[in-house]
PDB file of N, CA and C in Angstrom:
ATOM      1  N   MET A   1     100.302  40.383  -4.451  1.00  0.00           N
ATOM      2  CA  MET A   1      99.117  40.181  -5.289  1.00  0.00           C
ATOM      3  C   MET A   1      97.992  40.738  -4.428  1.00  0.00           C
ATOM      4  N   ASP A   2      97.101  41.282  -5.141  1.00  0.00           N
ATOM      5  CA  ASP A   2      95.955  42.084  -4.419  1.00  0.00           C
ATOM      6  C   ASP A   2      95.070  40.807  -4.348  1.00  0.00           C
ATOM      7  N   PRO A   3      94.625  40.842  -2.909  1.00  0.00           N
ATOM      8  CA  PRO A   3      93.599  39.560  -2.804  1.00  0.00           C
ATOM      9  C   PRO A   3      92.222  39.664  -3.465  1.00  0.00           C
ATOM     10  N   LYS A   4      91.965  41.127  -4.106  1.00  0.00           N
ATOM     11  CA  LYS A   4      90.813  41.153  -4.982  1.00  0.00           C
ATOM     12  C   LYS A   4      91.047  40.481  -6.256  1.00  0.00           C
ATOM     13  N   GLU A   5      92.300  40.181  -6.643  1.00  0.00           N
ATOM     14  CA  GLU A   5      92.668  39.697  -7.942  1.00  0.00           C
ATOM     15  C   GLU A   5      92.468  38.161  -7.987  1.00  0.00           C
ATOM     16  N   LEU A   6      92.199  37.400  -6.680  1.00  0.00           N
ATOM     17  CA  LEU A   6      91.971  36.160  -6.914  1.00  0.00           C
ATOM     18  C   LEU A   6      91.002  35.737  -5.747  1.00  0.00           C
ATOM     19  N   ASN A   7      89.798  35.229  -6.190  1.00  0.00           N
ATOM     20  CA  ASN A   7      88.795  34.848  -5.193  1.00  0.00           C
ATOM     21  C   ASN A   7      89.359  33.526  -4.662  1.00  0.00           C
ATOM     22  N   GLN A   8      89.234  33.639  -3.211  1.00  0.00           N
ATOM     23  CA  GLN A   8      89.816  32.424  -2.415  1.00  0.00           C
ATOM     24  C   GLN A   8      89.009  31.073  -2.676  1.00  0.00           C
ATOM     25  N   HIS A   9      87.796  31.094  -2.795  1.00  0.00           N
ATOM     26  CA  HIS A   9      86.924  29.999  -3.230  1.00  0.00           C
ATOM     27  C   HIS A   9      87.348  29.614  -4.409  1.00  0.00           C
ATOM     28  N   LEU A  10      87.383  30.302  -5.430  1.00  0.00           N
ATOM     29  CA  LEU A  10      87.808  29.832  -6.799  1.00  0.00           C
ATOM     30  C   LEU A  10      89.220  29.114  -6.835  1.00  0.00           C
ATOM     31  N   PHE A  11      90.173  29.866  -6.090  1.00  0.00           N
ATOM     32  CA  PHE A  11      91.546  29.272  -5.855  1.00  0.00           C
ATOM     33  C   PHE A  11      91.380  27.942  -5.096  1.00  0.00           C
ATOM     34  N   SER A  12      90.545  27.701  -4.209  1.00  0.00           N
ATOM     35  CA  SER A  12      90.403  26.644  -3.455  1.00  0.00           C
ATOM     36  C   SER A  12      89.744  25.450  -4.412  1.00  0.00           C
ATOM     37  N   LEU A  13      88.853  25.821  -5.116  1.00  0.00           N
ATOM     38  CA  LEU A  13      88.185  24.775  -6.110  1.00  0.00           C
ATOM     39  C   LEU A  13      89.233  24.417  -7.142  1.00  0.00           C
ATOM     40  N   ILE A  14      89.941  25.350  -7.751  1.00  0.00           N
ATOM     41  CA  ILE A  14      91.117  24.811  -8.705  1.00  0.00           C
ATOM     42  C   ILE A  14      91.997  23.890  -8.019  1.00  0.00           C
ATOM     43  N   SER A  15      92.416  24.350  -6.977  1.00  0.00           N
ATOM     44  CA  SER A  15      93.429  23.549  -6.078  1.00  0.00           C
ATOM     45  C   SER A  15      92.903  22.210  -5.867  1.00  0.00           C
ATOM     46  N   MET A  16      91.676  22.184  -5.427  1.00  0.00           N
ATOM     47  CA  MET A  16      91.109  20.751  -5.167  1.00  0.00           C
ATOM     48  C   MET A  16      91.253  19.970  -6.445  1.00  0.00           C
ATOM     49  N   PHE A  17      90.630  20.495  -7.583  1.00  0.00           N
ATOM     50  CA  PHE A  17      90.567  19.645  -8.610  1.00  0.00           C
ATOM     51  C   PHE A  17      91.979  19.349  -9.229  1.00  0.00           C
ATOM     52  N   ALA A  18      93.096  20.252  -8.958  1.00  0.00           N
ATOM     53  CA  ALA A  18      94.405  19.789  -9.556  1.00  0.00           C
ATOM     54  C   ALA A  18      94.997  18.786  -8.655  1.00  0.00           C
ATOM     55  N   SER A  19      94.741  18.909  -7.274  1.00  0.00           N
ATOM     56  CA  SER A  19      95.321  17.685  -6.431  1.00  0.00           C
ATOM     57  C   SER A  19      94.807  16.414  -6.782  1.00  0.00           C
ATOM     58  N   ALA A  20      93.470  16.427  -7.082  1.00  0.00           N
ATOM     59  CA  ALA A  20      92.943  15.162  -7.208  1.00  0.00           C
ATOM     60  C   ALA A  20      93.493  14.702  -8.688  1.00  0.00           C
ATOM     61  N   CYS A  21      93.676  15.545  -9.615  1.00  0.00           N
ATOM     62  CA  CYS A  21      94.451  15.161 -10.883  1.00  0.00           C
ATOM     63  C   CYS A  21      95.733  14.512 -10.801  1.00  0.00           C
ATOM     64  N   TRP A  22      96.518  15.209 -10.089  1.00  0.00           N
ATOM     65  CA  TRP A  22      97.914  14.911  -9.687  1.00  0.00           C
ATOM     66  C   TRP A  22      97.889  13.617  -9.223  1.00  0.00           C
ATOM     67  N   GLN A  23      97.081  13.090  -8.104  1.00  0.00           N
ATOM     68  CA  GLN A  23      96.917  11.851  -7.734  1.00  0.00           C
ATOM     69  C   GLN A  23      96.458  10.818  -8.710  1.00  0.00           C
ATOM     70  N   GLN A  24      95.566  11.289  -9.493  1.00  0.00           N
ATOM     71  CA  GLN A  24      95.157  10.345 -10.547  1.00  0.00           C
ATOM     72  C   GLN A  24      96.084  10.122 -11.556  1.00  0.00           C
ATOM     73  N   LEU A  25      96.854  10.952 -11.577  1.00  0.00           N
ATOM     74  CA  LEU A  25      97.970  10.845 -12.597  1.00  0.00           C
ATOM     75  C   LEU A  25      99.311   9.939 -12.048  1.00  0.00           C
ATOM     76  N   GLY A  26      99.073   9.667 -10.848  1.00  0.00           N
ATOM     77  CA  GLY A  26     100.189   8.829 -10.247  1.00  0.00           C
ATOM     78  C   GLY A  26     101.368   9.887  -9.928  1.00  0.00           C
ATOM     79  N   LYS A  27     101.183  11.109  -9.849  1.00  0.00           N
ATOM     80  CA  LYS A  27     102.306  12.010  -9.542  1.00  0.00           C
ATOM     81  C   LYS A  27     102.495  12.222  -8.090  1.00  0.00           C
ATOM     82  N   ILE A  28     101.267  12.133  -7.193  1.00  0.00           N
ATOM     83  CA  ILE A  28     101.635  12.198  -5.869  1.00  0.00           C
ATOM     84  C   ILE A  28     100.595  11.255  -5.142  1.00  0.00           C
ATOM     85  N   PRO A  29     100.935  10.850  -3.796  1.00  0.00           N
ATOM     86  CA  PRO A  29     100.361   9.800  -3.172  1.00  0.00           C
ATOM     87  C   PRO A  29      98.996  10.384  -2.628  1.00  0.00           C
ATOM     88  N   ASN A  30      98.154   9.520  -2.492  1.00  0.00           N
ATOM     89  CA  ASN A  30      96.686   9.833  -1.940  1.00  0.00           C
ATOM     90  C   ASN A  30      96.919  10.000  -0.576  1.00  0.00           C
ATOM     91  N   PRO A  31      96.519  11.053   0.017  1.00  0.00           N
ATOM     92  CA  PRO A  31      96.919  11.701   1.469  1.00  0.00           C
ATOM     93  C   PRO A  31      96.107  10.508   2.605  1.00  0.00           C
ATOM     94  N   VAL A  32      95.060   9.825   2.202  1.00  0.00           N
ATOM     95  CA  VAL A  32      94.440   8.986   2.929  1.00  0.00           C
ATOM     96  C   VAL A  32      95.222   7.722   3.389  1.00  0.00           C
ATOM     97  N   ASP A  33      95.536   7.220   2.258  1.00  0.00           N
ATOM     98  CA  ASP A  33      96.442   5.677   2.438  1.00  0.00           C
ATOM     99  C   ASP A  33      97.855   5.946   2.085  1.00  0.00           C
ATOM    100  N   ASN A  34      98.324   7.065   1.342  1.00  0.00           N
ATOM    101  CA  ASN A  34      99.806   7.436   1.148  1.00  0.00           C
ATOM    102  C   ASN A  34     100.211   6.549   0.101  1.00  0.00           C
ATOM    103  N   LYS A  35      99.336   5.951  -0.703  1.00  0.00           N
ATOM    104  CA  LYS A  35      99.642   4.957  -1.961  1.00  0.00           C
ATOM    105  C   LYS A  35      99.580   5.864  -3.115  1.00  0.00           C
ATOM    106  N   ILE A  36     100.551   5.527  -4.199  1.00  0.00           N
ATOM    107  CA  ILE A  36     100.484   6.172  -5.286  1.00  0.00           C
ATOM    108  C   ILE A  36      99.489   5.288  -6.424  1.00  0.00           C
ATOM    109  N   THR A  37      98.531   5.868  -6.821  1.00  0.00           N
ATOM    110  CA  THR A  37      97.794   5.038  -7.838  1.00  0.00           C
ATOM    111  C   THR A  37      97.543   5.812  -9.205  1.00  0.00           C
ATOM    112  N   LYS A  38      97.374   5.305 -10.229  1.00  0.00           N
ATOM    113  CA  LYS A  38      97.099   6.049 -11.501  1.00  0.00           C
ATOM    114  C   LYS A  38      95.732   5.595 -12.101  1.00  0.00           C
ATOM    115  N   ASP A  39      95.038   6.568 -12.479  1.00  0.00           N
ATOM    116  CA  ASP A  39      93.742   6.451 -13.042  1.00  0.00           C
ATOM    117  C   ASP A  39      93.541   7.482 -14.133  1.00  0.00           C
ATOM    118  N   LEU A  40      94.032   7.293 -15.322  1.00  0.00           N
ATOM    119  CA  LEU A  40      94.045   7.901 -16.338  1.00  0.00           C
ATOM    120  C   LEU A  40      92.595   8.539 -16.984  1.00  0.00           C
ATOM    121  N   LYS A  41      91.548   7.658 -16.882  1.00  0.00           N
ATOM    122  CA  LYS A  41      90.382   7.967 -17.163  1.00  0.00           C
ATOM    123  C   LYS A  41      89.777   9.020 -16.296  1.00  0.00           C
ATOM    124  N   SER A  42      89.819   8.795 -15.001  1.00  0.00           N
ATOM    125  CA  SER A  42      89.626   9.854 -13.865  1.00  0.00           C
ATOM    126  C   SER A  42      90.525  11.104 -14.075  1.00  0.00           C
ATOM    127  N   ALA A  43      91.483  11.121 -14.555  1.00  0.00           N
ATOM    128  CA  ALA A  43      92.395  12.119 -14.728  1.00  0.00           C
ATOM    129  C   ALA A  43      91.928  13.038 -15.861  1.00  0.00           C
ATOM    130  N   GLN A  44      91.472  12.159 -17.017  1.00  0.00           N
ATOM    131  CA  GLN A  44      90.868  12.929 -18.136  1.00  0.00           C
ATOM    132  C   GLN A  44      89.525  13.732 -17.815  1.00  0.00           C
ATOM    133  N   VAL A  45      88.542  13.178 -16.992  1.00  0.00           N
ATOM    134  CA  VAL A  45      87.394  13.647 -16.529  1.00  0.00           C
ATOM    135  C   VAL A  45      87.812  14.901 -15.620  1.00  0.00           C
ATOM    136  N   THR A  46      88.876  14.930 -14.719  1.00  0.00           N
ATOM    137  CA  THR A  46      89.056  16.002 -14.028  1.00  0.00           C
ATOM    138  C   THR A  46      89.524  17.253 -14.772  1.00  0.00           C
ATOM    139  N   ILE A  47      90.328  16.903 -15.777  1.00  0.00           N
ATOM    140  CA  ILE A  47      90.825  17.878 -16.703  1.00  0.00           C
ATOM    141  C   ILE A  47      89.729  18.758 -17.535  1.00  0.00           C
ATOM    142  N   GLU A  48      88.775  17.553 -18.001  1.00  0.00           N
ATOM    143  CA  GLU A  48      87.703  18.179 -18.764  1.00  0.00           C
ATOM    144  C   GLU A  48      86.845  18.991 -17.718  1.00  0.00           C
ATOM    145  N   MET A  49      86.652  18.715 -16.426  1.00  0.00           N
ATOM    146  CA  MET A  49      85.995  19.715 -15.703  1.00  0.00           C
ATOM    147  C   MET A  49      86.407  20.933 -15.394  1.00  0.00           C
ATOM    148  N   LEU A  50      87.836  20.822 -15.326  1.00  0.00           N
ATOM    149  CA  LEU A  50      88.602  22.406 -15.171  1.00  0.00           C
ATOM    150  C   LEU A  50      88.291  23.085 -16.460  1.00  0.00           C
ATOM    151  N   THR A  51      88.249  22.278 -17.698  1.00  0.00           N
ATOM    152  CA  THR A  51      88.105  23.087 -19.043  1.00  0.00           C
ATOM    153  C   THR A  51      86.780  23.623 -19.118  1.00  0.00           C
ATOM    154  N   MET A  52      85.790  22.852 -18.477  1.00  0.00           N
ATOM    155  CA  MET A  52      84.401  23.288 -18.627  1.00  0.00           C
ATOM    156  C   MET A  52      84.174  24.577 -17.760  1.00  0.00           C
ATOM    157  N   LEU A  53      84.798  24.362 -16.395  1.00  0.00           N
ATOM    158  CA  LEU A  53      84.927  25.670 -15.665  1.00  0.00           C
ATOM    159  C   LEU A  53      85.400  26.878 -16.323  1.00  0.00           C
ATOM    160  N   LYS A  54      86.449  26.623 -16.953  1.00  0.00           N
ATOM    161  CA  LYS A  54      87.099  28.039 -17.821  1.00  0.00           C
ATOM    162  C   LYS A  54      86.152  28.548 -18.769  1.00  0.00           C
ATOM    163  N   GLU A  55      85.504  27.687 -19.372  1.00  0.00           N
ATOM    164  CA  GLU A  55      84.467  27.999 -20.525  1.00  0.00           C
ATOM    165  C   GLU A  55      83.170  28.609 -19.735  1.00  0.00           C
ATOM    166  N   LYS A  56      82.944  28.216 -18.943  1.00  0.00           N
ATOM    167  CA  LYS A  56      81.617  28.801 -18.221  1.00  0.00           C
ATOM    168  C   LYS A  56      81.882  30.042 -17.431  1.00  0.00           C
ATOM    169  N   THR A  57      83.278  30.298 -16.988  1.00  0.00           N
ATOM    170  CA  THR A  57      83.534  31.619 -16.319  1.00  0.00           C
ATOM    171  C   THR A  57      84.098  32.657 -17.111  1.00  0.00           C
ATOM    172  N   LYS A  58      84.257  32.170 -18.327  1.00  0.00           N
ATOM    173  CA  LYS A  58      84.828  33.241 -19.391  1.00  0.00           C
ATOM    174  C   LYS A  58      84.156  34.508 -19.523  1.00  0.00           C
ATOM    175  N   GLY A  59      84.978  35.647 -19.301  1.00  0.00           N
ATOM    176  CA  GLY A  59      84.565  36.927 -19.094  1.00  0.00           C
ATOM    177  C   GLY A  59      84.211  37.390 -17.693  1.00  0.00           C
ATOM    178  N   ASN A  60      84.305  36.510 -16.889  1.00  0.00           N
ATOM    179  CA  ASN A  60      84.058  36.816 -15.391  1.00  0.00           C
ATOM    180  C   ASN A  60      85.122  36.480 -14.390  1.00  0.00           C
ATOM    181  N   LEU A  61      86.295  36.440 -15.016  1.00  0.00           N
ATOM    182  CA  LEU A  61      87.417  36.086 -14.149  1.00  0.00           C
ATOM    183  C   LEU A  61      88.273  37.472 -14.293  1.00  0.00           C
ATOM    184  N   THR A  62      89.301  37.499 -13.224  1.00  0.00           N
ATOM    185  CA  THR A  62      90.251  38.470 -13.286  1.00  0.00           C
ATOM    186  C   THR A  62      91.371  37.923 -13.955  1.00  0.00           C
ATOM    187  N   LYS A  63      92.198  38.655 -14.399  1.00  0.00           N
ATOM    188  CA  LYS A  63      93.338  38.268 -15.315  1.00  0.00           C
ATOM    189  C   LYS A  63      94.142  37.188 -14.388  1.00  0.00           C
ATOM    190  N   THR A  64      94.243  37.437 -13.093  1.00  0.00           N
ATOM    191  CA  THR A  64      95.101  36.633 -12.254  1.00  0.00           C
ATOM    192  C   THR A  64      94.297  35.181 -12.006  1.00  0.00           C
ATOM    193  N   GLU A  65      92.940  35.303 -11.913  1.00  0.00           N
ATOM    194  CA  GLU A  65      92.281  34.049 -12.067  1.00  0.00           C
ATOM    195  C   GLU A  65      92.287  33.074 -13.412  1.00  0.00           C
ATOM    196  N   GLU A  66      92.198  34.154 -14.401  1.00  0.00           N
ATOM    197  CA  GLU A  66      92.210  33.375 -15.795  1.00  0.00           C
ATOM    198  C   GLU A  66      93.703  32.604 -15.974  1.00  0.00           C
ATOM    199  N   LYS A  67      94.696  33.527 -15.535  1.00  0.00           N
ATOM    200  CA  LYS A  67      95.970  32.922 -15.661  1.00  0.00           C
ATOM    201  C   LYS A  67      96.091  31.482 -14.824  1.00  0.00           C
ATOM    202  N   LEU A  68      95.587  31.649 -13.684  1.00  0.00           N
ATOM    203  CA  LEU A  68      95.672  30.376 -12.697  1.00  0.00           C
ATOM    204  C   LEU A  68      95.024  29.217 -13.244  1.00  0.00           C
ATOM    205  N   LEU A  69      93.904  29.412 -13.881  1.00  0.00           N
ATOM    206  CA  LEU A  69      93.165  28.298 -14.326  1.00  0.00           C
ATOM    207  C   LEU A  69      93.772  27.728 -15.755  1.00  0.00           C
ATOM    208  N   ASP A  70      94.374  28.886 -16.542  1.00  0.00           N
ATOM    209  CA  ASP A  70      94.938  28.245 -17.725  1.00  0.00           C
ATOM    210  C   ASP A  70      96.334  27.518 -17.512  1.00  0.00           C
ATOM    211  N   ASP A  71      97.018  28.118 -16.545  1.00  0.00           N
ATOM    212  CA  ASP A  71      98.251  27.358 -16.158  1.00  0.00           C
ATOM    213  C   ASP A  71      98.016  25.968 -15.437  1.00  0.00           C
ATOM    214  N   THR A  72      97.176  26.011 -14.689  1.00  0.00           N
ATOM    215  CA  THR A  72      96.714  24.625 -14.231  1.00  0.00           C
ATOM    216  C   THR A  72      96.265  23.544 -15.075  1.00  0.00           C
ATOM    217  N   ILE A  73      95.365  24.077 -16.119  1.00  0.00           N
ATOM    218  CA  ILE A  73      94.954  23.133 -17.114  1.00  0.00           C
ATOM    219  C   ILE A  73      96.062  22.711 -18.031  1.00  0.00           C
ATOM    220  N   SER A  74      96.818  23.633 -18.338  1.00  0.00           N
ATOM    221  CA  SER A  74      97.988  23.501 -19.186  1.00  0.00           C
ATOM    222  C   SER A  74      98.954  22.333 -18.653  1.00  0.00           C
ATOM    223  N   ASN A  75      99.324  22.622 -17.468  1.00  0.00           N
ATOM    224  CA  ASN A  75     100.417  21.592 -16.890  1.00  0.00           C
ATOM    225  C   ASN A  75      99.687  20.335 -16.672  1.00  0.00           C
ATOM    226  N   LEU A  76      98.392  20.189 -16.201  1.00  0.00           N
ATOM    227  CA  LEU A  76      97.821  18.937 -16.138  1.00  0.00           C
ATOM    228  C   LEU A  76      97.692  18.014 -17.545  1.00  0.00           C
ATOM    229  N   GLN A  77      97.258  19.004 -18.374  1.00  0.00           N
ATOM    230  CA  GLN A  77      97.104  18.285 -19.915  1.00  0.00           C
ATOM    231  C   GLN A  77      98.659  17.782 -20.262  1.00  0.00           C
ATOM    232  N   MET A  78      99.606  18.733 -20.099  1.00  0.00           N
ATOM    233  CA  MET A  78     101.022  18.102 -20.416  1.00  0.00           C
ATOM    234  C   MET A  78     101.407  16.969 -19.773  1.00  0.00           C
ATOM    235  N   ASN A  79     101.213  16.672 -18.473  1.00  0.00           N
ATOM    236  CA  ASN A  79     101.546  15.508 -17.734  1.00  0.00           C
ATOM    237  C   ASN A  79     100.377  14.417 -18.041  1.00  0.00           C
ATOM    238  N   TYR A  80      99.227  14.619 -18.600  1.00  0.00           N
ATOM    239  CA  TYR A  80      98.524  13.646 -18.988  1.00  0.00           C
ATOM    240  C   TYR A  80      98.950  13.022 -20.176  1.00  0.00           C
ATOM    241  N   ALA A  81      99.356  13.878 -21.245  1.00  0.00           N
ATOM    242  CA  ALA A  81      99.737  13.525 -22.491  1.00  0.00           C
ATOM    243  C   ALA A  81     100.898  12.775 -22.159  1.00  0.00           C
ATOM    244  N   ASP A  82     101.774  13.059 -21.405  1.00  0.00           N
ATOM    245  CA  ASP A  82     103.148  12.435 -21.015  1.00  0.00           C
ATOM    246  C   ASP A  82     103.069  10.997 -20.571  1.00  0.00           C
ATOM    247  N   GLU A  83     101.884  10.812 -19.675  1.00  0.00           N
ATOM    248  CA  GLU A  83     101.543   9.434 -18.978  1.00  0.00           C
ATOM    249  C   GLU A  83     100.870   8.688 -20.114  1.00  0.00           C
ATOM    250  N   VAL A  84     100.067   9.130 -21.033  1.00  0.00           N
ATOM    251  CA  VAL A  84      99.244   8.484 -22.117  1.00  0.00           C
ATOM    252  C   VAL A  84     100.619   8.049 -23.083  1.00  0.00           C
ATOM    253  N   ALA A  85     101.602   8.908 -23.413  1.00  0.00           N
ATOM    254  CA  ALA A  85     102.600   8.478 -24.306  1.00  0.00           C
ATOM    255  C   ALA A  85     103.338   7.579 -23.937  1.00  0.00           C
ATOM    256  N   LYS A  86     103.447   7.082 -22.537  1.00  0.00           N
ATOM    257  CA  LYS A  86     104.330   6.090 -21.835  1.00  0.00           C
ATOM    258  C   LYS A  86     103.487   4.769 -22.200  1.00  0.00           C
ATOM    259  N   GLY A  87     102.434   4.824 -22.704  1.00  0.00           N
ATOM    260  CA  GLY A  87     101.642   3.523 -23.000  1.00  0.00           C
ATOM    261  C   GLY A  87     101.068   2.989 -21.795  1.00  0.00           C
ATOM    262  N   ASP A  88     100.906   3.749 -20.919  1.00  0.00           N
ATOM    263  CA  ASP A  88     100.036   3.224 -19.526  1.00  0.00           C
ATOM    264  C   ASP A  88      98.666   2.935 -19.942  1.00  0.00           C
ATOM    265  N   SER A  89      98.011   1.995 -19.361  1.00  0.00           N
ATOM    266  CA  SER A  89      96.765   1.841 -19.523  1.00  0.00           C
ATOM    267  C   SER A  89      95.962   2.827 -18.765  1.00  0.00           C
ATOM    268  N   PRO A  90      94.772   3.188 -19.374  1.00  0.00           N
ATOM    269  CA  PRO A  90      93.983   4.043 -18.677  1.00  0.00           C
ATOM    270  C   PRO A  90      93.146   3.684 -17.341  1.00  0.00           C
ATOM    271  N   LYS A  91      93.214   2.294 -17.208  1.00  0.00           N
ATOM    272  CA  LYS A  91      92.796   1.709 -15.772  1.00  0.00           C
ATOM    273  C   LYS A  91      93.652   2.046 -14.675  1.00  0.00           C
ATOM    274  N   THR A  92      92.974   1.804 -13.476  1.00  0.00           N
ATOM    275  CA  THR A  92      93.660   2.202 -12.159  1.00  0.00           C
ATOM    276  C   THR A  92      94.871   1.145 -12.145  1.00  0.00           C
ATOM    277  N   GLU A  93      95.976   1.604 -11.733  1.00  0.00           N
ATOM    278  CA  GLU A  93      97.276   0.891 -11.478  1.00  0.00           C
ATOM    279  C   GLU A  93      97.662   1.277 -10.184  1.00  0.00           C
ATOM    280  N   GLU A  94      98.287   0.515  -9.346  1.00  0.00           N
ATOM    281  CA  GLU A  94      98.955   0.816  -8.079  1.00  0.00           C
ATOM    282  C   GLU A  94     100.209   0.580  -8.329  1.00  0.00           C
ATOM    283  N   LYS A  95     101.122   1.653  -7.897  1.00  0.00           N
ATOM    284  CA  LYS A  95     102.709   1.462  -7.874  1.00  0.00           C
ATOM    285  C   LYS A  95     103.106   1.163  -6.414  1.00  0.00           C
ATOM    286  N   PRO A  96     104.082   0.313  -6.265  1.00  0.00           N
ATOM    287  CA  PRO A  96     104.623   0.262  -5.116  1.00  0.00           C
ATOM    288  C   PRO A  96     105.177   1.589  -4.304  1.00  0.00           C
ATOM    289  N   GLN A  97     105.014   1.703  -3.180  1.00  0.00           N
ATOM    290  CA  GLN A  97     105.204   3.066  -2.268  1.00  0.00           C
ATOM    291  C   GLN A  97     106.632   3.432  -2.436  1.00  0.00           C
ATOM    292  N   THR A  98     107.681   2.181  -2.755  1.00  0.00           N
ATOM    293  CA  THR A  98     109.181   2.590  -2.701  1.00  0.00           C
ATOM    294  C   THR A  98     109.451   3.123  -4.204  1.00  0.00           C
ATOM    295  N   GLU A  99     108.524   3.189  -5.132  1.00  0.00           N
ATOM    296  CA  GLU A  99     109.018   3.817  -6.525  1.00  0.00           C
ATOM    297  C   GLU A  99     109.071   5.300  -6.315  1.00  0.00           C
ATOM    298  N   GLU A 100     110.074   5.752  -7.064  1.00  0.00           N
ATOM    299  CA  GLU A 100     110.321   7.241  -6.986  1.00  0.00           C
ATOM    300  C   GLU A 100     109.271   7.847  -7.590  1.00  0.00           C
ATOM    301  N   LYS A 101     108.904   9.054  -6.840  1.00  0.00           N
ATOM    302  CA  LYS A 101     107.768   9.980  -7.505  1.00  0.00           C
ATOM    303  C   LYS A 101     108.357  10.813  -8.685  1.00  0.00           C
ATOM    304  N   LYS A 102     107.623  11.060  -9.530  1.00  0.00           N
ATOM    305  CA  LYS A 102     107.982  12.080 -10.652  1.00  0.00           C
ATOM    306  C   LYS A 102     107.613  13.251 -10.611  1.00  0.00           C
TER     307      LYS A 102
END
């Protein structure tokens, strides 16, 4: 991949939002305390921010950057929908550390 096809600052920003959202979805542990918590309201806001970023940068991204943003949003939305379908409450929930990660 040509480095000109993917701005590293944009990549870092998208990665930062995605990591936060995966934590909020309860899919990965928080690196600070190594606990898995779920906060679906915050996950929804994070997805909305990525969607807003996509809308505000429309026409200004390379094909690679656009694909990265689209794929990230799509994956997060599917996992969010899956968590909501499980009937989980949108409030913060803490899972025991021994629970298997998804």
